[in-house]
Amino acid sequence: MDIRIMENAGHIMPPPPPPVEEEGASQLDILIQLYEGCIHFLEEASQACDQGQVAEFKHWMQRGRRIIEEFQNTLDFTQGGQVPAQLNDLYQYMLDSLTQAGLTHDSLFIQRVIEQLRVLLEGWQGVRSSGFSSTLDH
């Protein structure tokens, strides 16, 4: 396992997930990589929370939160019927749960968000494997 030392902090941190390779990657592939990254970041936040590592907890929480905020900000309410509104509500619930985790330092809130992200990730992976992904990139 590749372990790196966080700059200026002296703490051993696991490596980040692999970078998004934009060339040749479809929009759906990038979306899936963002979900995977978000889950990774929040798993790290949960672990840091449980270990009382406040700085690492805040770092990983912020990285996960930014991805969820971007998911929310890029919803297209002119397409997809009620799906964008429902996703918006779900993303807001996730962000509220992360806020609760930040206030209480209870990793259970983070784990709930991770579970929801995994369900969405599985859905997007299913879209990719079904062959519909080519229609989403146009």
Protein backbone atom coordinates (compact mmCIF):
# COMPACT_ATOMS: atom_id res chain seq x y z
CA MET A 1 0.00 0.00 0.00
CA ASP A 2 1.29 3.42 -0.95
CA ILE A 3 1.36 5.60 2.18
CA ARG A 4 2.21 9.26 2.04
CA ILE A 5 2.86 11.78 4.77
CA MET A 6 0.49 14.71 4.69
CA GLU A 7 2.51 17.83 3.99
CA ASN A 8 3.24 19.99 7.04
CA ALA A 9 1.13 17.81 9.33
CA GLY A 10 3.38 14.81 9.85
CA HIS A 11 0.39 12.46 9.81
CA ILE A 12 0.42 9.31 7.75
CA MET A 13 -2.43 9.46 5.26
CA PRO A 14 -3.63 6.83 2.80
CA PRO A 15 -3.15 7.66 -0.86
CA PRO A 16 -5.96 9.47 -2.68
CA PRO A 17 -8.09 7.57 -5.16
CA PRO A 18 -6.71 7.45 -8.70
CA PRO A 19 -7.10 10.72 -10.61
CA VAL A 20 -9.90 11.14 -13.08
CA GLU A 21 -8.58 10.45 -16.55
CA GLU A 22 -10.55 12.82 -18.72
CA GLU A 23 -9.17 11.81 -22.10
CA GLY A 24 -11.26 8.91 -23.36
CA ALA A 25 -13.48 8.88 -20.27
CA SER A 26 -17.17 9.46 -20.84
CA GLN A 27 -19.20 11.84 -18.71
CA LEU A 28 -20.72 8.79 -17.03
CA ASP A 29 -17.26 7.38 -16.28
CA ILE A 30 -16.27 10.68 -14.69
CA LEU A 31 -19.50 10.77 -12.67
CA ILE A 32 -18.83 7.25 -11.39
CA GLN A 33 -15.27 8.23 -10.46
CA LEU A 34 -16.61 11.22 -8.54
CA TYR A 35 -18.98 8.99 -6.59
CA GLU A 36 -16.12 6.59 -5.84
CA GLY A 37 -13.91 9.49 -4.74
CA CYS A 38 -16.63 10.95 -2.54
CA ILE A 39 -17.19 7.58 -0.86
CA HIS A 40 -13.43 7.23 -0.33
CA PHE A 41 -13.15 10.69 1.20
CA LEU A 42 -16.08 10.12 3.55
CA GLU A 43 -14.75 6.72 4.62
CA GLU A 44 -11.51 8.47 5.54
CA ALA A 45 -13.48 11.14 7.41
CA SER A 46 -15.39 8.48 9.32
CA GLN A 47 -12.20 6.69 10.29
CA ALA A 48 -10.55 9.96 11.37
CA CYS A 49 -13.66 10.84 13.36
CA ASP A 50 -13.59 7.50 15.18
CA GLN A 51 -9.89 7.96 15.94
CA GLY A 52 -10.30 11.53 17.19
CA GLN A 53 -8.11 12.98 14.43
CA VAL A 54 -9.84 16.33 14.12
CA ALA A 55 -7.71 17.90 11.37
CA GLU A 56 -7.95 14.83 9.14
CA PHE A 57 -11.66 14.53 9.86
CA LYS A 58 -12.27 18.10 8.71
CA HIS A 59 -10.04 17.66 5.65
CA TRP A 60 -11.80 14.53 4.36
CA MET A 61 -15.27 15.83 5.26
CA GLN A 62 -14.67 18.98 3.24
CA ARG A 63 -13.50 17.02 0.21
CA GLY A 64 -16.56 14.75 0.31
CA ARG A 65 -18.90 17.68 0.93
CA ARG A 66 -17.56 19.58 -2.09
CA ILE A 67 -18.36 16.69 -4.42
CA ILE A 68 -21.92 16.37 -3.09
CA GLU A 69 -22.37 20.13 -3.43
CA GLU A 70 -21.19 19.89 -7.03
CA PHE A 71 -23.62 17.04 -7.71
CA GLN A 72 -26.38 19.25 -6.35
CA ASN A 73 -25.27 22.35 -8.27
CA THR A 74 -25.14 20.56 -11.61
CA LEU A 75 -28.64 19.06 -11.52
CA ASP A 76 -30.66 19.92 -14.63
CA PHE A 77 -34.23 20.59 -13.49
CA THR A 78 -35.43 20.99 -17.09
CA GLN A 79 -34.93 17.27 -17.81
CA GLY A 80 -35.78 14.02 -16.08
CA GLY A 81 -39.17 14.87 -14.63
CA GLN A 82 -39.10 14.68 -10.84
CA VAL A 83 -35.75 12.89 -10.62
CA PRO A 84 -33.64 16.08 -10.34
CA ALA A 85 -35.86 17.42 -7.55
CA GLN A 86 -35.65 14.10 -5.70
CA LEU A 87 -31.88 13.97 -6.13
CA ASN A 88 -31.65 17.56 -4.92
CA ASP A 89 -33.56 16.62 -1.76
CA LEU A 90 -31.34 13.57 -1.25
CA TYR A 91 -28.15 15.59 -1.74
CA GLN A 92 -29.42 18.20 0.71
CA TYR A 93 -30.18 15.46 3.23
CA MET A 94 -26.62 14.18 2.77
CA LEU A 95 -25.16 17.63 3.31
CA ASP A 96 -27.32 18.11 6.41
CA SER A 97 -26.15 14.73 7.72
CA LEU A 98 -22.51 15.73 7.18
CA THR A 99 -23.20 18.95 9.07
CA GLN A 100 -24.58 16.87 11.95
CA ALA A 101 -21.46 14.69 11.84
CA GLY A 102 -19.32 17.81 12.03
CA LEU A 103 -21.25 19.14 15.01
CA THR A 104 -21.50 15.89 16.97
CA HIS A 105 -18.38 14.04 15.76
CA ASP A 106 -20.63 10.99 15.32
CA SER A 107 -19.47 8.90 12.38
CA LEU A 108 -22.89 7.24 12.11
CA PHE A 109 -24.07 10.31 10.17
CA ILE A 110 -21.20 9.84 7.72
CA GLN A 111 -21.90 6.13 7.36
CA ARG A 112 -25.52 6.87 6.41
CA VAL A 113 -24.33 9.20 3.65
CA ILE A 114 -21.84 6.61 2.41
CA GLU A 115 -24.64 4.02 2.21
CA GLN A 116 -26.78 6.39 0.14
CA LEU A 117 -23.87 7.24 -2.15
CA ARG A 118 -23.20 3.53 -2.69
CA VAL A 119 -26.80 2.97 -3.79
CA LEU A 120 -26.52 5.83 -6.29
CA LEU A 121 -23.12 4.57 -7.44
CA GLU A 122 -24.54 1.10 -8.08
CA GLY A 123 -27.31 2.68 -10.13
CA TRP A 124 -24.86 4.61 -12.31
CA GLN A 125 -22.68 1.53 -12.71
CA GLY A 126 -25.81 -0.33 -13.84
CA VAL A 127 -26.50 2.36 -16.42
CA ARG A 128 -22.97 2.01 -17.72
CA SER A 129 -23.13 -1.78 -17.96
CA SER A 130 -26.57 -1.68 -19.63
CA GLY A 131 -25.24 0.24 -22.61
CA PHE A 132 -27.26 3.42 -21.97
CA SER A 133 -24.09 5.32 -21.15
CA SER A 134 -23.49 6.25 -24.78
CA THR A 135 -26.81 8.12 -24.90
CA LEU A 136 -25.95 10.06 -21.74
CA ASP A 137 -22.80 11.53 -23.20
CA HIS A 138 -24.55 13.34 -26.04
